[in-house]
Amino acid sequence: MSTKSTIAIALTALAAGAAIGLLLAPASGADTRKKLAKKGSDLKDRLKDMLEEGSDLIGKLKDDAEELATKAKDTANTAKDRVKDAAQEARATAGYSKS
């Protein structure tokens, strides 16, 4: 199960639990509607904050991935150059000319 679906299930369960609790509480209809509206607004705000944090995290992960890819390419190029230099040196030591 993905993180998104887990979060969606948790938020849905939280909202359903809050709504059931409010509906069963001994309060007037107007008070209950106000409480439901407040809980809905709070839930919306929390979800918005979570989405912003997720977006920030995705941006950071993309930057980190790009940096790692660049380092990997640099490392591969360095290794390639070292192998090439070692081969040329081995040829020279063995008395072969560069062809």
N, C-alpha and C. Protein backbone atom coordinates (compact mmCIF):
# COMPACT_ATOMS: atom_id res chain seq x y z
N MET A 1 0.86 -1.17 0.00
CA MET A 1 0.00 0.00 0.00
C MET A 1 0.90 1.23 0.00
N SER A 2 0.56 2.18 -0.83
CA SER A 2 1.39 3.37 -0.94
C SER A 2 1.16 4.31 0.24
N THR A 3 2.09 5.22 0.41
CA THR A 3 2.00 6.20 1.49
C THR A 3 0.79 7.09 1.31
N LYS A 4 0.50 7.46 0.05
CA LYS A 4 -0.65 8.32 -0.22
C LYS A 4 -1.94 7.66 0.21
N SER A 5 -2.11 6.37 -0.13
CA SER A 5 -3.36 5.70 0.23
C SER A 5 -3.44 5.49 1.74
N THR A 6 -2.31 5.24 2.39
CA THR A 6 -2.31 5.09 3.84
C THR A 6 -2.73 6.39 4.51
N ILE A 7 -2.21 7.50 4.04
CA ILE A 7 -2.57 8.81 4.60
C ILE A 7 -4.04 9.10 4.34
N ALA A 8 -4.50 8.80 3.13
CA ALA A 8 -5.91 9.05 2.79
C ALA A 8 -6.83 8.22 3.68
N ILE A 9 -6.48 6.96 3.91
CA ILE A 9 -7.30 6.11 4.78
C ILE A 9 -7.31 6.64 6.20
N ALA A 10 -6.13 7.04 6.70
CA ALA A 10 -6.05 7.56 8.06
C ALA A 10 -6.87 8.83 8.22
N LEU A 11 -6.77 9.74 7.25
CA LEU A 11 -7.53 10.99 7.34
C LEU A 11 -9.03 10.73 7.23
N THR A 12 -9.43 9.80 6.39
CA THR A 12 -10.85 9.46 6.25
C THR A 12 -11.38 8.86 7.55
N ALA A 13 -10.60 7.96 8.14
CA ALA A 13 -11.02 7.35 9.40
C ALA A 13 -11.11 8.40 10.51
N LEU A 14 -10.15 9.32 10.53
CA LEU A 14 -10.17 10.39 11.53
C LEU A 14 -11.40 11.26 11.36
N ALA A 15 -11.70 11.64 10.13
CA ALA A 15 -12.86 12.49 9.87
C ALA A 15 -14.16 11.75 10.21
N ALA A 16 -14.24 10.48 9.84
CA ALA A 16 -15.45 9.71 10.14
C ALA A 16 -15.63 9.56 11.65
N GLY A 17 -14.57 9.29 12.36
CA GLY A 17 -14.65 9.16 13.81
C GLY A 17 -15.08 10.45 14.48
N ALA A 18 -14.52 11.55 14.01
CA ALA A 18 -14.90 12.85 14.58
C ALA A 18 -16.36 13.16 14.29
N ALA A 19 -16.80 12.87 13.07
CA ALA A 19 -18.20 13.15 12.71
C ALA A 19 -19.15 12.29 13.52
N ILE A 20 -18.85 11.02 13.68
CA ILE A 20 -19.71 10.13 14.47
C ILE A 20 -19.75 10.59 15.92
N GLY A 21 -18.60 10.95 16.45
CA GLY A 21 -18.54 11.43 17.83
C GLY A 21 -19.38 12.67 18.03
N LEU A 22 -19.32 13.57 17.09
CA LEU A 22 -20.11 14.80 17.19
C LEU A 22 -21.61 14.54 17.03
N LEU A 23 -21.94 13.63 16.14
CA LEU A 23 -23.35 13.33 15.92
C LEU A 23 -23.99 12.63 17.11
N LEU A 24 -23.23 11.87 17.83
CA LEU A 24 -23.75 11.15 18.99
C LEU A 24 -23.68 11.98 20.27
N ALA A 25 -22.97 13.08 20.23
CA ALA A 25 -22.84 13.93 21.43
C ALA A 25 -24.16 14.67 21.67
N PRO A 26 -24.48 14.90 22.95
CA PRO A 26 -25.72 15.61 23.27
C PRO A 26 -25.55 17.12 23.07
N ALA A 27 -25.74 17.57 21.83
CA ALA A 27 -25.63 18.99 21.53
C ALA A 27 -26.73 19.34 20.52
N SER A 28 -27.01 20.62 20.43
CA SER A 28 -28.05 21.05 19.49
C SER A 28 -27.55 20.90 18.06
N GLY A 29 -28.46 20.92 17.12
CA GLY A 29 -28.10 20.80 15.70
C GLY A 29 -27.17 21.91 15.26
N ALA A 30 -27.43 23.13 15.70
CA ALA A 30 -26.58 24.26 15.31
C ALA A 30 -25.17 24.09 15.86
N ASP A 31 -25.07 23.67 17.12
CA ASP A 31 -23.75 23.46 17.73
C ASP A 31 -23.00 22.34 17.01
N THR A 32 -23.74 21.28 16.69
CA THR A 32 -23.12 20.15 16.01
C THR A 32 -22.62 20.57 14.63
N ARG A 33 -23.40 21.34 13.89
CA ARG A 33 -22.97 21.81 12.57
C ARG A 33 -21.74 22.70 12.68
N LYS A 34 -21.72 23.56 13.70
CA LYS A 34 -20.54 24.42 13.89
C LYS A 34 -19.30 23.58 14.18
N LYS A 35 -19.48 22.57 15.05
CA LYS A 35 -18.35 21.70 15.39
C LYS A 35 -17.87 20.93 14.16
N LEU A 36 -18.83 20.42 13.36
CA LEU A 36 -18.44 19.70 12.14
C LEU A 36 -17.70 20.61 11.17
N ALA A 37 -18.19 21.83 11.02
CA ALA A 37 -17.54 22.79 10.12
C ALA A 37 -16.13 23.10 10.61
N LYS A 38 -15.98 23.26 11.91
CA LYS A 38 -14.66 23.55 12.49
C LYS A 38 -13.71 22.37 12.27
N LYS A 39 -14.21 21.16 12.54
CA LYS A 39 -13.37 19.97 12.35
C LYS A 39 -12.98 19.82 10.89
N GLY A 40 -13.92 20.07 9.98
CA GLY A 40 -13.63 19.99 8.55
C GLY A 40 -12.58 21.02 8.14
N SER A 41 -12.71 22.22 8.66
CA SER A 41 -11.74 23.27 8.36
C SER A 41 -10.36 22.91 8.90
N ASP A 42 -10.32 22.39 10.13
CA ASP A 42 -9.05 21.97 10.72
C ASP A 42 -8.40 20.85 9.91
N LEU A 43 -9.23 19.90 9.50
CA LEU A 43 -8.72 18.78 8.72
C LEU A 43 -8.19 19.27 7.37
N LYS A 44 -8.90 20.20 6.75
CA LYS A 44 -8.45 20.77 5.47
C LYS A 44 -7.10 21.48 5.65
N ASP A 45 -6.96 22.24 6.73
CA ASP A 45 -5.71 22.94 6.99
C ASP A 45 -4.56 21.96 7.22
N ARG A 46 -4.82 20.90 7.97
CA ARG A 46 -3.78 19.90 8.23
C ARG A 46 -3.36 19.21 6.94
N LEU A 47 -4.34 18.88 6.11
CA LEU A 47 -4.04 18.24 4.84
C LEU A 47 -3.23 19.17 3.94
N LYS A 48 -3.58 20.44 3.92
CA LYS A 48 -2.84 21.43 3.13
C LYS A 48 -1.39 21.50 3.60
N ASP A 49 -1.19 21.53 4.92
CA ASP A 49 0.17 21.56 5.46
C ASP A 49 0.95 20.31 5.07
N MET A 50 0.29 19.15 5.14
CA MET A 50 0.96 17.90 4.78
C MET A 50 1.35 17.89 3.31
N LEU A 51 0.48 18.40 2.46
CA LEU A 51 0.78 18.45 1.03
C LEU A 51 1.95 19.39 0.74
N GLU A 52 2.00 20.52 1.44
CA GLU A 52 3.11 21.45 1.27
C GLU A 52 4.42 20.81 1.71
N GLU A 53 4.39 20.11 2.85
CA GLU A 53 5.59 19.43 3.32
C GLU A 53 6.03 18.36 2.33
N GLY A 54 5.05 17.63 1.80
CA GLY A 54 5.37 16.59 0.81
C GLY A 54 5.98 17.19 -0.44
N SER A 55 5.44 18.31 -0.88
CA SER A 55 5.97 18.98 -2.06
C SER A 55 7.41 19.45 -1.82
N ASP A 56 7.65 20.00 -0.64
CA ASP A 56 9.01 20.43 -0.30
C ASP A 56 9.97 19.24 -0.27
N LEU A 57 9.49 18.14 0.29
CA LEU A 57 10.32 16.94 0.38
C LEU A 57 10.63 16.40 -1.01
N ILE A 58 9.65 16.40 -1.90
CA ILE A 58 9.87 15.92 -3.26
C ILE A 58 10.92 16.79 -3.96
N GLY A 59 10.83 18.10 -3.79
CA GLY A 59 11.82 18.99 -4.38
C GLY A 59 13.22 18.71 -3.87
N LYS A 60 13.34 18.50 -2.57
CA LYS A 60 14.64 18.21 -1.98
C LYS A 60 15.18 16.88 -2.49
N LEU A 61 14.31 15.88 -2.58
CA LEU A 61 14.74 14.58 -3.07
C LEU A 61 15.20 14.66 -4.53
N LYS A 62 14.51 15.45 -5.34
CA LYS A 62 14.92 15.62 -6.73
C LYS A 62 16.30 16.26 -6.80
N ASP A 63 16.51 17.29 -5.99
CA ASP A 63 17.82 17.96 -5.97
C ASP A 63 18.92 16.98 -5.55
N ASP A 64 18.64 16.20 -4.50
CA ASP A 64 19.62 15.22 -4.02
C ASP A 64 19.91 14.17 -5.08
N ALA A 65 18.86 13.72 -5.78
CA ALA A 65 19.05 12.71 -6.83
C ALA A 65 19.90 13.26 -7.97
N GLU A 66 19.66 14.51 -8.35
CA GLU A 66 20.46 15.11 -9.41
C GLU A 66 21.92 15.23 -8.99
N GLU A 67 22.14 15.62 -7.75
CA GLU A 67 23.51 15.75 -7.23
C GLU A 67 24.21 14.39 -7.22
N LEU A 68 23.50 13.36 -6.78
CA LEU A 68 24.08 12.02 -6.75
C LEU A 68 24.38 11.51 -8.16
N ALA A 69 23.49 11.80 -9.11
CA ALA A 69 23.72 11.39 -10.49
C ALA A 69 24.97 12.06 -11.05
N THR A 70 25.12 13.33 -10.76
CA THR A 70 26.31 14.06 -11.22
C THR A 70 27.58 13.47 -10.61
N LYS A 71 27.54 13.18 -9.32
CA LYS A 71 28.71 12.58 -8.65
C LYS A 71 29.02 11.21 -9.24
N ALA A 72 27.97 10.43 -9.53
CA ALA A 72 28.19 9.10 -10.11
C ALA A 72 28.83 9.20 -11.49
N LYS A 73 28.37 10.14 -12.30
CA LYS A 73 28.96 10.33 -13.63
C LYS A 73 30.42 10.76 -13.51
N ASP A 74 30.68 11.69 -12.59
CA ASP A 74 32.07 12.14 -12.40
C ASP A 74 32.96 10.98 -11.96
N THR A 75 32.47 10.17 -11.05
CA THR A 75 33.24 9.03 -10.55
C THR A 75 33.49 8.03 -11.67
N ALA A 76 32.46 7.77 -12.47
CA ALA A 76 32.62 6.83 -13.60
C ALA A 76 33.64 7.36 -14.60
N ASN A 77 33.58 8.65 -14.90
CA ASN A 77 34.54 9.24 -15.84
C ASN A 77 35.96 9.18 -15.29
N THR A 78 36.12 9.44 -14.00
CA THR A 78 37.44 9.37 -13.38
C THR A 78 37.99 7.94 -13.45
N ALA A 79 37.13 6.97 -13.14
CA ALA A 79 37.56 5.57 -13.20
C ALA A 79 37.94 5.19 -14.63
N LYS A 80 37.15 5.63 -15.59
CA LYS A 80 37.43 5.35 -17.00
C LYS A 80 38.79 5.92 -17.40
N ASP A 81 39.04 7.17 -16.98
CA ASP A 81 40.33 7.81 -17.31
C ASP A 81 41.49 7.07 -16.66
N ARG A 82 41.31 6.62 -15.43
CA ARG A 82 42.38 5.89 -14.73
C ARG A 82 42.67 4.56 -15.42
N VAL A 83 41.63 3.87 -15.83
CA VAL A 83 41.83 2.59 -16.53
C VAL A 83 42.54 2.84 -17.85
N LYS A 84 42.13 3.87 -18.56
CA LYS A 84 42.77 4.21 -19.84
C LYS A 84 44.25 4.54 -19.64
N ASP A 85 44.54 5.34 -18.62
CA ASP A 85 45.93 5.70 -18.33
C ASP A 85 46.74 4.46 -17.93
N ALA A 86 46.15 3.59 -17.13
CA ALA A 86 46.86 2.38 -16.71
C ALA A 86 47.13 1.47 -17.91
N ALA A 87 46.19 1.39 -18.83
CA ALA A 87 46.39 0.56 -20.02
C ALA A 87 47.50 1.13 -20.89
N GLN A 88 47.52 2.45 -21.06
CA GLN A 88 48.57 3.08 -21.86
C GLN A 88 49.93 2.86 -21.20
N GLU A 89 49.97 2.97 -19.88
CA GLU A 89 51.22 2.76 -19.16
C GLU A 89 51.68 1.31 -19.29
N ALA A 90 50.73 0.39 -19.25
CA ALA A 90 51.08 -1.02 -19.38
C ALA A 90 51.62 -1.31 -20.79
N ARG A 91 51.00 -0.69 -21.78
CA ARG A 91 51.48 -0.85 -23.15
C ARG A 91 52.91 -0.32 -23.28
N ALA A 92 53.13 0.85 -22.70
CA ALA A 92 54.45 1.47 -22.79
C ALA A 92 55.50 0.60 -22.06
N THR A 93 55.11 0.06 -20.95
CA THR A 93 56.03 -0.77 -20.18
C THR A 93 56.33 -2.07 -20.94
N ALA A 94 55.34 -2.59 -21.65
CA ALA A 94 55.52 -3.82 -22.40
C ALA A 94 56.22 -3.59 -23.73
N GLY A 95 56.43 -2.33 -24.10
CA GLY A 95 57.16 -2.01 -25.32
C GLY A 95 56.28 -1.84 -26.54
N TYR A 96 54.97 -1.73 -26.35
CA TYR A 96 54.08 -1.52 -27.48
C TYR A 96 53.91 -0.03 -27.72
N SER A 97 53.73 0.30 -28.97
CA SER A 97 53.47 1.72 -29.28
C SER A 97 51.98 1.95 -29.25
N LYS A 98 51.61 3.18 -29.10
CA LYS A 98 50.21 3.58 -29.04
C LYS A 98 49.61 3.46 -30.44
N SER A 99 48.49 2.76 -30.57
CA SER A 99 47.88 2.63 -31.89
C SER A 99 46.47 3.14 -31.91
